[in-house]
Amino acid sequence: MMIEKQIRLPSGQLIGRITDVGNRIEARRTDGVLLGWYCKASDNTRLANGHLYCWGNGVQMLL
């Protein structure tokens, strides 16, 4: 099951989307470009190019 959460500024402007796609959580810009993902199995967050960003769930920090 895919669950999507929209991230907005206090003004209401959409800045990105967080999508739970089963074994990972993805962060995407408003135009759909992947910024990075959190892998639940390895408990780390990676950038779209595959480099380690942080340990644990840091997906919202990518936006």
C-alpha atoms as a PDB file:
ATOM      1  CA  MET A   1       0.000   0.000   0.000  1.00  0.00           C
ATOM      2  CA  MET A   2       1.272   3.472  -0.901  1.00  0.00           C
ATOM      3  CA  ILE A   3       0.648   6.336   1.545  1.00  0.00           C
ATOM      4  CA  GLU A   4       1.479   9.914   0.503  1.00  0.00           C
ATOM      5  CA  LYS A   5       1.878  12.944   2.766  1.00  0.00           C
ATOM      6  CA  GLN A   6       2.141  16.480   1.384  1.00  0.00           C
ATOM      7  CA  ILE A   7       4.590  18.835   3.115  1.00  0.00           C
ATOM      8  CA  ARG A   8       3.591  22.507   3.095  1.00  0.00           C
ATOM      9  CA  LEU A   9       4.959  25.787   4.407  1.00  0.00           C
ATOM     10  CA  PRO A  10       2.819  27.710   6.938  1.00  0.00           C
ATOM     11  CA  SER A  11       1.659  29.869   3.990  1.00  0.00           C
ATOM     12  CA  GLY A  12       0.178  26.760   2.368  1.00  0.00           C
ATOM     13  CA  GLN A  13       2.767  26.459  -0.410  1.00  0.00           C
ATOM     14  CA  LEU A  14       3.541  22.840  -1.297  1.00  0.00           C
ATOM     15  CA  ILE A  15       7.276  22.075  -0.941  1.00  0.00           C
ATOM     16  CA  GLY A  16       7.313  18.309  -1.426  1.00  0.00           C
ATOM     17  CA  ARG A  17       5.818  14.889  -0.847  1.00  0.00           C
ATOM     18  CA  ILE A  18       6.736  12.015   1.462  1.00  0.00           C
ATOM     19  CA  THR A  19       5.587   8.630   0.137  1.00  0.00           C
ATOM     20  CA  ASP A  20       5.633   5.335   2.047  1.00  0.00           C
ATOM     21  CA  VAL A  21       6.036   2.597  -0.575  1.00  0.00           C
ATOM     22  CA  GLY A  22       6.353  -0.460   1.634  1.00  0.00           C
ATOM     23  CA  ASN A  23       9.983  -1.167   2.454  1.00  0.00           C
ATOM     24  CA  ARG A  24      11.116   2.457   2.041  1.00  0.00           C
ATOM     25  CA  ILE A  25       9.930   6.053   2.417  1.00  0.00           C
ATOM     26  CA  GLU A  26      10.689   8.447  -0.461  1.00  0.00           C
ATOM     27  CA  ALA A  27      11.036  12.253  -0.473  1.00  0.00           C
ATOM     28  CA  ARG A  28      10.159  14.007  -3.731  1.00  0.00           C
ATOM     29  CA  ARG A  29      10.044  17.618  -4.866  1.00  0.00           C
ATOM     30  CA  THR A  30       6.769  19.054  -6.109  1.00  0.00           C
ATOM     31  CA  ASP A  31       7.762  18.261  -9.710  1.00  0.00           C
ATOM     32  CA  GLY A  32       8.252  14.581  -8.812  1.00  0.00           C
ATOM     33  CA  VAL A  33      12.066  14.481  -8.754  1.00  0.00           C
ATOM     34  CA  LEU A  34      13.376  12.011  -6.157  1.00  0.00           C
ATOM     35  CA  LEU A  35      15.469  13.690  -3.426  1.00  0.00           C
ATOM     36  CA  GLY A  36      16.194  10.597  -1.370  1.00  0.00           C
ATOM     37  CA  TRP A  37      14.727   7.715   0.611  1.00  0.00           C
ATOM     38  CA  TYR A  38      14.721   6.021   4.008  1.00  0.00           C
ATOM     39  CA  CYS A  39      15.306   2.254   3.969  1.00  0.00           C
ATOM     40  CA  LYS A  40      13.413   0.614   6.833  1.00  0.00           C
ATOM     41  CA  ALA A  41      15.502  -2.587   6.734  1.00  0.00           C
ATOM     42  CA  SER A  42      18.904  -0.876   7.103  1.00  0.00           C
ATOM     43  CA  ASP A  43      17.596   2.131   9.133  1.00  0.00           C
ATOM     44  CA  ASN A  44      19.389   4.797   7.095  1.00  0.00           C
ATOM     45  CA  THR A  45      18.493   7.660   4.761  1.00  0.00           C
ATOM     46  CA  ARG A  46      20.147   7.979   1.367  1.00  0.00           C
ATOM     47  CA  LEU A  47      20.247  10.763  -1.210  1.00  0.00           C
ATOM     48  CA  ALA A  48      18.890  10.170  -4.718  1.00  0.00           C
ATOM     49  CA  ASN A  49      22.444   9.422  -5.943  1.00  0.00           C
ATOM     50  CA  GLY A  50      22.748   6.593  -3.384  1.00  0.00           C
ATOM     51  CA  HIS A  51      25.122   8.296  -0.933  1.00  0.00           C
ATOM     52  CA  LEU A  52      24.402   7.924   2.781  1.00  0.00           C
ATOM     53  CA  TYR A  53      22.704  11.050   4.197  1.00  0.00           C
ATOM     54  CA  CYS A  54      22.133  10.009   7.821  1.00  0.00           C
ATOM     55  CA  TRP A  55      21.373   7.076  10.119  1.00  0.00           C
ATOM     56  CA  GLY A  56      17.696   6.728  10.984  1.00  0.00           C
ATOM     57  CA  ASN A  57      14.760   8.420   9.299  1.00  0.00           C
ATOM     58  CA  GLY A  58      15.889  11.817   7.979  1.00  0.00           C
ATOM     59  CA  VAL A  59      13.527  12.027   5.013  1.00  0.00           C
ATOM     60  CA  GLN A  60      11.768  15.254   6.058  1.00  0.00           C
ATOM     61  CA  MET A  61      15.150  16.998   6.411  1.00  0.00           C
ATOM     62  CA  LEU A  62      15.691  16.453   2.659  1.00  0.00           C
ATOM     63  CA  LEU A  63      12.868  18.883   1.889  1.00  0.00           C
END
